[in-house]
C-alpha atoms as a PDB file:
ATOM      1  CA  MET A   1       1.808 -44.144  39.591  1.00  0.00           C
ATOM      2  CA  ASP A   2       1.642 -44.661  35.848  1.00  0.00           C
ATOM      3  CA  ILE A   3      -1.345 -45.814  33.600  1.00  0.00           C
ATOM      4  CA  THR A   4      -0.640 -48.373  30.794  1.00  0.00           C
ATOM      5  CA  PHE A   5      -2.699 -48.056  27.406  1.00  0.00           C
ATOM      6  CA  MET A   6      -4.247 -51.311  28.164  1.00  0.00           C
ATOM      7  CA  GLN A   7      -5.448 -50.054  31.541  1.00  0.00           C
ATOM      8  CA  CYS A   8      -6.722 -46.520  30.267  1.00  0.00           C
ATOM      9  CA  MET A   9      -8.848 -48.665  27.715  1.00  0.00           C
ATOM     10  CA  LEU A  10      -9.947 -50.589  30.748  1.00  0.00           C
ATOM     11  CA  GLY A  11     -11.237 -47.505  32.499  1.00  0.00           C
ATOM     12  CA  LEU A  12     -13.218 -46.482  28.963  1.00  0.00           C
ATOM     13  CA  LEU A  13     -15.034 -49.476  29.167  1.00  0.00           C
ATOM     14  CA  LEU A  14     -17.292 -47.888  31.806  1.00  0.00           C
ATOM     15  CA  LEU A  15     -18.343 -46.042  28.837  1.00  0.00           C
ATOM     16  CA  LEU A  16     -20.496 -49.102  28.053  1.00  0.00           C
ATOM     17  CA  VAL A  17     -22.422 -48.751  31.152  1.00  0.00           C
ATOM     18  CA  PRO A  18     -24.551 -45.875  30.390  1.00  0.00           C
ATOM     19  CA  CYS A  19     -24.712 -46.573  26.863  1.00  0.00           C
ATOM     20  CA  TYR A  20     -26.202 -49.725  27.240  1.00  0.00           C
ATOM     21  CA  VAL A  21     -28.590 -48.577  29.682  1.00  0.00           C
ATOM     22  CA  PHE A  22     -29.754 -45.776  26.917  1.00  0.00           C
ATOM     23  CA  TYR A  23     -30.250 -48.370  24.508  1.00  0.00           C
ATOM     24  CA  VAL A  24     -32.113 -50.777  26.583  1.00  0.00           C
ATOM     25  CA  PHE A  25     -34.461 -47.889  27.411  1.00  0.00           C
ATOM     26  CA  ASN A  26     -34.462 -46.249  24.251  1.00  0.00           C
ATOM     27  CA  ILE A  27     -33.084 -43.043  25.717  1.00  0.00           C
ATOM     28  CA  PRO A  28     -32.226 -41.208  22.590  1.00  0.00           C
ATOM     29  CA  LEU A  29     -28.607 -39.916  24.288  1.00  0.00           C
ATOM     30  CA  LEU A  30     -26.591 -42.248  23.008  1.00  0.00           C
ATOM     31  CA  THR A  31     -25.345 -40.945  19.780  1.00  0.00           C
ATOM     32  CA  LYS A  32     -24.913 -37.514  21.377  1.00  0.00           C
ATOM     33  CA  THR A  33     -22.858 -39.690  24.067  1.00  0.00           C
ATOM     34  CA  LEU A  34     -20.593 -40.810  21.944  1.00  0.00           C
ATOM     35  CA  ARG A  35     -20.413 -37.763  20.296  1.00  0.00           C
ATOM     36  CA  SER A  36     -19.409 -35.797  23.579  1.00  0.00           C
ATOM     37  CA  PHE A  37     -16.883 -38.199  24.445  1.00  0.00           C
ATOM     38  CA  LEU A  38     -14.899 -37.837  20.985  1.00  0.00           C
ATOM     39  CA  LYS A  39     -15.204 -34.190  21.295  1.00  0.00           C
ATOM     40  CA  MET A  40     -13.753 -34.230  24.822  1.00  0.00           C
ATOM     41  CA  ALA A  41     -10.883 -37.220  23.856  1.00  0.00           C
ATOM     42  CA  GLY A  42     -10.027 -35.133  20.964  1.00  0.00           C
ATOM     43  CA  SER A  43      -9.693 -31.849  23.339  1.00  0.00           C
ATOM     44  CA  LEU A  44      -8.084 -33.045  25.841  1.00  0.00           C
ATOM     45  CA  LEU A  45      -5.309 -34.670  23.337  1.00  0.00           C
ATOM     46  CA  VAL A  46      -4.753 -31.635  22.099  1.00  0.00           C
ATOM     47  CA  LEU A  47      -4.194 -30.340  25.635  1.00  0.00           C
ATOM     48  CA  GLY A  48      -2.240 -32.842  26.551  1.00  0.00           C
ATOM     49  CA  VAL A  49      -0.012 -32.441  23.350  1.00  0.00           C
ATOM     50  CA  LEU A  50       0.455 -29.055  23.924  1.00  0.00           C
ATOM     51  CA  LEU A  51       1.380 -29.343  27.745  1.00  0.00           C
ATOM     52  CA  TYR A  52       3.524 -32.479  27.401  1.00  0.00           C
ATOM     53  CA  GLU A  53       5.464 -29.700  25.071  1.00  0.00           C
ATOM     54  CA  VAL A  54       5.716 -27.017  27.693  1.00  0.00           C
ATOM     55  CA  VAL A  55       6.385 -28.568  30.463  1.00  0.00           C
ATOM     56  CA  ASP A  56       9.371 -30.325  29.234  1.00  0.00           C
ATOM     57  CA  LEU A  57      10.555 -27.236  27.283  1.00  0.00           C
ATOM     58  CA  ASP A  58      10.303 -25.716  30.822  1.00  0.00           C
ATOM     59  CA  LYS A  59      11.047 -21.836  29.809  1.00  0.00           C
ATOM     60  CA  PRO A  60       9.098 -19.019  31.123  1.00  0.00           C
ATOM     61  CA  PHE A  61       8.728 -17.627  27.644  1.00  0.00           C
ATOM     62  CA  PHE A  62       6.488 -20.980  26.725  1.00  0.00           C
ATOM     63  CA  THR A  63       4.879 -20.947  30.045  1.00  0.00           C
ATOM     64  CA  LEU A  64       3.540 -17.101  29.997  1.00  0.00           C
ATOM     65  CA  LEU A  65       2.571 -17.894  26.513  1.00  0.00           C
ATOM     66  CA  PHE A  66       0.512 -20.794  27.144  1.00  0.00           C
ATOM     67  CA  SER A  67      -0.759 -18.882  30.422  1.00  0.00           C
ATOM     68  CA  LEU A  68      -2.341 -16.305  28.064  1.00  0.00           C
ATOM     69  CA  LEU A  69      -3.303 -18.128  25.350  1.00  0.00           C
ATOM     70  CA  ILE A  70      -5.591 -19.832  28.490  1.00  0.00           C
ATOM     71  CA  ILE A  71      -7.092 -16.526  29.428  1.00  0.00           C
ATOM     72  CA  VAL A  72      -7.575 -15.562  25.919  1.00  0.00           C
ATOM     73  CA  TRP A  73      -9.629 -18.941  25.800  1.00  0.00           C
ATOM     74  CA  GLY A  74     -11.533 -17.838  29.391  1.00  0.00           C
ATOM     75  CA  ALA A  75     -12.543 -14.422  28.000  1.00  0.00           C
ATOM     76  CA  THR A  76     -13.660 -15.693  24.645  1.00  0.00           C
ATOM     77  CA  LEU A  77     -16.164 -18.058  26.563  1.00  0.00           C
ATOM     78  CA  SER A  78     -17.396 -15.944  28.847  1.00  0.00           C
ATOM     79  CA  ILE A  79     -18.714 -14.027  26.384  1.00  0.00           C
ATOM     80  CA  VAL A  80     -20.217 -16.570  24.432  1.00  0.00           C
ATOM     81  CA  GLN A  81     -21.787 -17.720  27.293  1.00  0.00           C
ATOM     82  CA  ALA A  82     -22.973 -14.772  28.319  1.00  0.00           C
ATOM     83  CA  LYS A  83     -24.723 -14.459  24.790  1.00  0.00           C
ATOM     84  CA  LEU A  84     -22.956 -11.228  24.209  1.00  0.00           C
ATOM     85  CA  PRO A  85     -21.729  -9.357  20.995  1.00  0.00           C
ATOM     86  CA  LEU A  86     -17.648 -11.141  21.155  1.00  0.00           C
ATOM     87  CA  ARG A  87     -16.457  -8.478  18.509  1.00  0.00           C
ATOM     88  CA  GLN A  88     -17.541  -5.609  21.073  1.00  0.00           C
ATOM     89  CA  LEU A  89     -16.852  -6.734  24.213  1.00  0.00           C
ATOM     90  CA  PHE A  90     -13.403  -8.877  23.639  1.00  0.00           C
ATOM     91  CA  LEU A  91     -10.846  -6.298  24.969  1.00  0.00           C
ATOM     92  CA  PRO A  92     -12.936  -5.261  27.726  1.00  0.00           C
ATOM     93  CA  VAL A  93     -13.485  -9.038  28.980  1.00  0.00           C
ATOM     94  CA  LEU A  94     -10.081  -9.956  28.335  1.00  0.00           C
ATOM     95  CA  ALA A  95      -8.984  -7.236  30.062  1.00  0.00           C
ATOM     96  CA  GLY A  96     -10.627  -8.018  33.398  1.00  0.00           C
ATOM     97  CA  THR A  97      -9.629 -11.928  32.914  1.00  0.00           C
ATOM     98  CA  PHE A  98      -6.150 -10.884  32.717  1.00  0.00           C
ATOM     99  CA  VAL A  99      -6.185  -8.332  35.401  1.00  0.00           C
ATOM    100  CA  GLY A 100      -7.900 -10.744  37.832  1.00  0.00           C
ATOM    101  CA  VAL A 101      -5.981 -13.971  37.431  1.00  0.00           C
ATOM    102  CA  LEU A 102      -3.061 -11.710  37.087  1.00  0.00           C
ATOM    103  CA  VAL A 103      -3.468 -10.199  40.863  1.00  0.00           C
ATOM    104  CA  ALA A 104      -4.950 -13.351  42.313  1.00  0.00           C
ATOM    105  CA  GLY A 105      -2.381 -16.215  40.487  1.00  0.00           C
ATOM    106  CA  MET A 106       0.921 -13.741  40.983  1.00  0.00           C
ATOM    107  CA  TYR A 107      -0.238 -13.448  44.811  1.00  0.00           C
ATOM    108  CA  VAL A 108      -0.479 -17.114  45.190  1.00  0.00           C
ATOM    109  CA  LEU A 109       2.399 -17.736  43.089  1.00  0.00           C
ATOM    110  CA  LEU A 110       4.745 -15.174  45.059  1.00  0.00           C
ATOM    111  CA  LEU A 111       3.772 -14.821  48.402  1.00  0.00           C
ATOM    112  CA  VAL A 112       1.984 -18.050  49.178  1.00  0.00           C
ATOM    113  CA  MET A 113       4.297 -20.889  47.295  1.00  0.00           C
ATOM    114  CA  GLY A 114       7.241 -19.442  47.901  1.00  0.00           C
ATOM    115  CA  GLY A 115       8.058 -17.659  44.275  1.00  0.00           C
ATOM    116  CA  ALA A 116      11.272 -19.113  43.812  1.00  0.00           C
ATOM    117  CA  ASN A 117       9.311 -21.521  41.108  1.00  0.00           C
ATOM    118  CA  VAL A 118       6.948 -18.993  39.723  1.00  0.00           C
ATOM    119  CA  PHE A 119       7.500 -19.416  36.011  1.00  0.00           C
ATOM    120  CA  GLU A 120       7.752 -22.980  35.963  1.00  0.00           C
ATOM    121  CA  SER A 121       5.142 -24.083  34.513  1.00  0.00           C
ATOM    122  CA  ARG A 122       4.255 -27.484  36.570  1.00  0.00           C
ATOM    123  CA  TYR A 123       3.348 -24.332  38.886  1.00  0.00           C
ATOM    124  CA  MET A 124       2.099 -21.310  37.035  1.00  0.00           C
ATOM    125  CA  ILE A 125      -0.139 -23.266  34.300  1.00  0.00           C
ATOM    126  CA  PRO A 126      -2.437 -24.970  36.782  1.00  0.00           C
ATOM    127  CA  VAL A 127      -3.114 -21.806  38.889  1.00  0.00           C
ATOM    128  CA  VAL A 128      -3.526 -20.000  35.824  1.00  0.00           C
ATOM    129  CA  ALA A 129      -6.306 -22.675  34.304  1.00  0.00           C
ATOM    130  CA  MET A 130      -8.323 -22.789  37.591  1.00  0.00           C
ATOM    131  CA  LEU A 131      -8.437 -19.405  38.084  1.00  0.00           C
ATOM    132  CA  THR A 132      -9.404 -18.761  34.213  1.00  0.00           C
ATOM    133  CA  GLY A 133     -12.029 -21.897  34.072  1.00  0.00           C
ATOM    134  CA  HIS A 134     -13.869 -20.369  37.615  1.00  0.00           C
ATOM    135  CA  LEU A 135     -13.990 -16.947  35.803  1.00  0.00           C
ATOM    136  CA  ILE A 136     -15.623 -18.190  32.666  1.00  0.00           C
ATOM    137  CA  HIS A 137     -18.697 -19.311  34.761  1.00  0.00           C
ATOM    138  CA  ALA A 138     -18.480 -16.329  37.338  1.00  0.00           C
ATOM    139  CA  ASN A 139     -17.872 -13.876  34.702  1.00  0.00           C
ATOM    140  CA  SER A 140     -20.672 -14.845  31.801  1.00  0.00           C
ATOM    141  CA  LYS A 141     -23.581 -14.629  34.423  1.00  0.00           C
ATOM    142  CA  ALA A 142     -22.260 -11.266  35.834  1.00  0.00           C
ATOM    143  CA  LEU A 143     -21.400  -9.915  32.116  1.00  0.00           C
ATOM    144  CA  HIS A 144     -25.279 -10.975  31.371  1.00  0.00           C
ATOM    145  CA  VAL A 145     -26.582  -9.200  34.112  1.00  0.00           C
ATOM    146  CA  TYR A 146     -25.068  -6.347  33.901  1.00  0.00           C
ATOM    147  CA  TYR A 147     -25.501  -5.884  29.752  1.00  0.00           C
ATOM    148  CA  MET A 148     -28.856  -7.094  29.851  1.00  0.00           C
ATOM    149  CA  GLY A 149     -29.622  -4.605  32.582  1.00  0.00           C
ATOM    150  CA  LEU A 150     -28.115  -1.603  29.945  1.00  0.00           C
ATOM    151  CA  ARG A 151     -30.560  -2.886  27.114  1.00  0.00           C
ATOM    152  CA  HIS A 152     -33.493  -3.144  29.041  1.00  0.00           C
ATOM    153  CA  HIS A 153     -33.134  -0.356  31.703  1.00  0.00           C
ATOM    154  CA  GLY A 154     -31.442   2.232  29.494  1.00  0.00           C
ATOM    155  CA  GLN A 155     -34.459   4.686  30.510  1.00  0.00           C
ATOM    156  CA  LEU A 156     -33.390   4.573  34.400  1.00  0.00           C
ATOM    157  CA  TYR A 157     -29.890   5.589  33.416  1.00  0.00           C
ATOM    158  CA  HIS A 158     -30.912   8.215  31.218  1.00  0.00           C
ATOM    159  CA  TYR A 159     -33.607   9.423  34.077  1.00  0.00           C
ATOM    160  CA  LEU A 160     -30.405   9.018  37.164  1.00  0.00           C
ATOM    161  CA  LEU A 161     -28.756  11.904  34.792  1.00  0.00           C
ATOM    162  CA  ALA A 162     -31.219  14.032  34.005  1.00  0.00           C
ATOM    163  CA  ASN A 163     -31.784  14.079  38.159  1.00  0.00           C
ATOM    164  CA  GLY A 164     -27.910  15.407  38.457  1.00  0.00           C
ATOM    165  CA  ALA A 165     -26.733  11.769  39.237  1.00  0.00           C
ATOM    166  CA  THR A 166     -23.214  10.886  37.813  1.00  0.00           C
ATOM    167  CA  HIS A 167     -22.385   8.155  34.963  1.00  0.00           C
ATOM    168  CA  SER A 168     -20.749   6.196  38.325  1.00  0.00           C
ATOM    169  CA  HIS A 169     -23.970   6.438  40.223  1.00  0.00           C
ATOM    170  CA  ALA A 170     -26.448   6.183  36.686  1.00  0.00           C
ATOM    171  CA  LEU A 171     -24.443   2.521  36.360  1.00  0.00           C
ATOM    172  CA  GLY A 172     -23.340   1.519  40.035  1.00  0.00           C
ATOM    173  CA  TYR A 173     -26.698  -0.011  40.585  1.00  0.00           C
ATOM    174  CA  LEU A 174     -26.319  -2.351  37.732  1.00  0.00           C
ATOM    175  CA  LEU A 175     -22.398  -3.144  38.592  1.00  0.00           C
ATOM    176  CA  ARG A 176     -23.746  -3.857  41.829  1.00  0.00           C
ATOM    177  CA  ARG A 177     -25.589  -6.574  40.509  1.00  0.00           C
ATOM    178  CA  ALA A 178     -22.959  -7.722  38.240  1.00  0.00           C
ATOM    179  CA  ILE A 179     -20.559  -7.914  41.133  1.00  0.00           C
ATOM    180  CA  GLN A 180     -23.250  -9.657  43.547  1.00  0.00           C
ATOM    181  CA  GLN A 181     -23.746 -12.475  40.468  1.00  0.00           C
ATOM    182  CA  SER A 182     -20.098 -12.857  40.110  1.00  0.00           C
ATOM    183  CA  ALA A 183     -19.289 -13.652  43.968  1.00  0.00           C
ATOM    184  CA  LEU A 184     -22.509 -15.945  43.803  1.00  0.00           C
ATOM    185  CA  PRO A 185     -20.834 -19.127  42.221  1.00  0.00           C
ATOM    186  CA  SER A 186     -17.407 -18.707  44.623  1.00  0.00           C
ATOM    187  CA  LEU A 187     -19.496 -18.431  47.930  1.00  0.00           C
ATOM    188  CA  SER A 188     -21.802 -21.256  46.910  1.00  0.00           C
ATOM    189  CA  GLY A 189     -18.837 -23.168  45.836  1.00  0.00           C
ATOM    190  CA  MET A 190     -17.702 -22.958  48.657  1.00  0.00           C
ATOM    191  CA  GLY A 191     -20.505 -25.249  50.050  1.00  0.00           C
ATOM    192  CA  TRP A 192     -20.277 -28.389  48.378  1.00  0.00           C
ATOM    193  CA  VAL A 193     -16.526 -27.982  47.612  1.00  0.00           C
ATOM    194  CA  VAL A 194     -15.462 -30.788  49.403  1.00  0.00           C
ATOM    195  CA  MET A 195     -17.872 -33.009  47.953  1.00  0.00           C
ATOM    196  CA  GLY A 196     -16.956 -31.928  44.623  1.00  0.00           C
ATOM    197  CA  VAL A 197     -13.859 -30.262  43.252  1.00  0.00           C
ATOM    198  CA  SER A 198     -11.485 -30.364  45.734  1.00  0.00           C
ATOM    199  CA  PRO A 199     -11.172 -34.626  46.086  1.00  0.00           C
ATOM    200  CA  LEU A 200      -9.795 -34.143  42.221  1.00  0.00           C
ATOM    201  CA  VAL A 201      -7.713 -31.421  43.086  1.00  0.00           C
ATOM    202  CA  MET A 202      -6.072 -32.737  46.663  1.00  0.00           C
ATOM    203  CA  TRP A 203      -5.747 -36.411  44.905  1.00  0.00           C
ATOM    204  CA  GLY A 204      -3.387 -34.994  42.318  1.00  0.00           C
ATOM    205  CA  MET A 205      -1.777 -33.035  44.600  1.00  0.00           C
ATOM    206  CA  LEU A 206      -1.096 -36.050  47.132  1.00  0.00           C
ATOM    207  CA  LEU A 207       0.107 -38.349  44.307  1.00  0.00           C
ATOM    208  CA  GLY A 208       2.321 -35.617  43.574  1.00  0.00           C
ATOM    209  CA  GLY A 209       4.095 -36.117  46.826  1.00  0.00           C
ATOM    210  CA  ALA A 210       2.723 -33.403  48.891  1.00  0.00           C
ATOM    211  CA  SER A 211       1.078 -34.152  52.198  1.00  0.00           C
ATOM    212  CA  VAL A 212      -1.838 -33.922  53.650  1.00  0.00           C
ATOM    213  CA  LEU A 213      -1.714 -30.237  55.131  1.00  0.00           C
ATOM    214  CA  THR A 214      -0.092 -29.174  52.094  1.00  0.00           C
ATOM    215  CA  ALA A 215      -2.902 -30.174  49.944  1.00  0.00           C
ATOM    216  CA  VAL A 216      -5.678 -28.769  52.124  1.00  0.00           C
ATOM    217  CA  ALA A 217      -4.174 -25.611  52.658  1.00  0.00           C
ATOM    218  CA  CYS A 218      -3.777 -24.752  49.086  1.00  0.00           C
ATOM    219  CA  GLN A 219      -7.120 -25.982  48.511  1.00  0.00           C
ATOM    220  CA  VAL A 220      -8.251 -23.153  50.870  1.00  0.00           C
ATOM    221  CA  VAL A 221      -6.155 -20.479  48.758  1.00  0.00           C
ATOM    222  CA  LEU A 222      -6.979 -21.336  45.671  1.00  0.00           C
ATOM    223  CA  LEU A 223     -10.335 -20.828  46.392  1.00  0.00           C
ATOM    224  CA  VAL A 224     -10.052 -17.313  48.138  1.00  0.00           C
ATOM    225  CA  ALA A 225      -8.220 -16.978  45.000  1.00  0.00           C
ATOM    226  CA  MET A 226     -10.712 -17.762  42.648  1.00  0.00           C
ATOM    227  CA  PHE A 227     -13.026 -15.744  44.836  1.00  0.00           C
ATOM    228  CA  THR A 228     -11.368 -12.595  44.378  1.00  0.00           C
ATOM    229  CA  ALA A 229     -10.138 -13.003  40.668  1.00  0.00           C
ATOM    230  CA  ALA A 230     -13.898 -13.345  39.743  1.00  0.00           C
ATOM    231  CA  VAL A 231     -14.845 -10.135  41.859  1.00  0.00           C
ATOM    232  CA  LEU A 232     -11.798  -7.937  40.394  1.00  0.00           C
ATOM    233  CA  SER A 233     -12.315  -9.157  36.747  1.00  0.00           C
ATOM    234  CA  VAL A 234     -15.719  -7.871  36.936  1.00  0.00           C
ATOM    235  CA  VAL A 235     -14.999  -4.496  38.550  1.00  0.00           C
ATOM    236  CA  VAL A 236     -12.217  -3.970  35.565  1.00  0.00           C
ATOM    237  CA  THR A 237     -14.499  -5.231  33.229  1.00  0.00           C
ATOM    238  CA  VAL A 238     -17.274  -2.649  33.465  1.00  0.00           C
ATOM    239  CA  ALA A 239     -14.786  -0.203  34.071  1.00  0.00           C
ATOM    240  CA  VAL A 240     -13.013  -0.730  30.624  1.00  0.00           C
ATOM    241  CA  SER A 241     -16.328  -1.227  29.017  1.00  0.00           C
ATOM    242  CA  ARG A 242     -17.905   1.998  29.684  1.00  0.00           C
ATOM    243  CA  ARG A 243     -16.106   3.961  26.838  1.00  0.00           C
ATOM    244  CA  TYR A 244     -17.259   0.923  24.263  1.00  0.00           C
ATOM    245  CA  LEU A 245     -21.035   1.632  26.052  1.00  0.00           C
ATOM    246  CA  LEU A 246     -21.189   5.250  25.783  1.00  0.00           C
ATOM    247  CA  ASP A 247     -20.522   7.776  23.139  1.00  0.00           C
ATOM    248  CA  ASP A 248     -18.940  11.315  22.927  1.00  0.00           C
ATOM    249  CA  TYR A 249     -22.267  12.695  24.359  1.00  0.00           C
ATOM    250  CA  ALA A 250     -22.631  10.160  27.370  1.00  0.00           C
ATOM    251  CA  GLN A 251     -25.357   8.215  25.753  1.00  0.00           C
ATOM    252  CA  LEU A 252     -25.969   4.788  25.959  1.00  0.00           C
ATOM    253  CA  LYS A 253     -24.909   2.885  21.985  1.00  0.00           C
ATOM    254  CA  GLY A 254     -27.878   2.209  20.287  1.00  0.00           C
ATOM    255  CA  THR A 255     -30.688   3.080  22.792  1.00  0.00           C
ATOM    256  CA  GLU A 256     -31.738   5.560  19.860  1.00  0.00           C
ATOM    257  CA  ARG A 257     -32.198   2.536  17.854  1.00  0.00           C
ATOM    258  CA  GLN A 258     -34.000   0.500  20.393  1.00  0.00           C
ATOM    259  CA  ASP A 259     -36.510   3.685  21.124  1.00  0.00           C
ATOM    260  CA  ALA A 260     -37.370   4.231  18.171  1.00  0.00           C
ATOM    261  CA  SER A 261     -38.225   0.437  17.081  1.00  0.00           C
END
């Protein structure tokens, strides 16, 4: 099914309805709505051009490069949404996001989808994009819980070390909380996904010629992959970030300044 330019314009006319409601009831959202729509349209236009070029070329190198750009962008957004220092945590979060997407994505592409066309852009890019998009929300919450816990409960860490606990045990409580926060969006999403995201994904697959059974099966597998990627991502991120959080004396960096203040 193809949509012409005129049909697209007719669809965009729906935007007049909420704009009219905002105008009639004097709700100060008209400017924000138009600004958000233009930002969304511009982002989709750039993304559409890039996707068109990648799909048209259909070369493994460009597919992998575009997938890597998606992962880098997702890791950056995770840190920004968690309101954490980007320079200090970019590499750990990037490593966690990359491992989570790589393990879960390759498992789905190689074992579930057969693996014959694993590097085709029409297969690889949607899987990478869906996993990365899910990790942005899951990782941002988990990272915020973990690093805010380190900042505000540094004394608990030192207390546990003084009583003979290892570094892993001392950080284990915060790690468990972070893993829990990364899993919660996936678990809660499984409850409403039938009425939320799934219809859009399955609709796209049905338009592409897939059977209903195949669309449902792929959606179930992708939900499991998202859940797995979120948990793996947090574990790897925390493991890699320890070298950025602890100094040569196994002390939390910056705690001395915080204690002095």
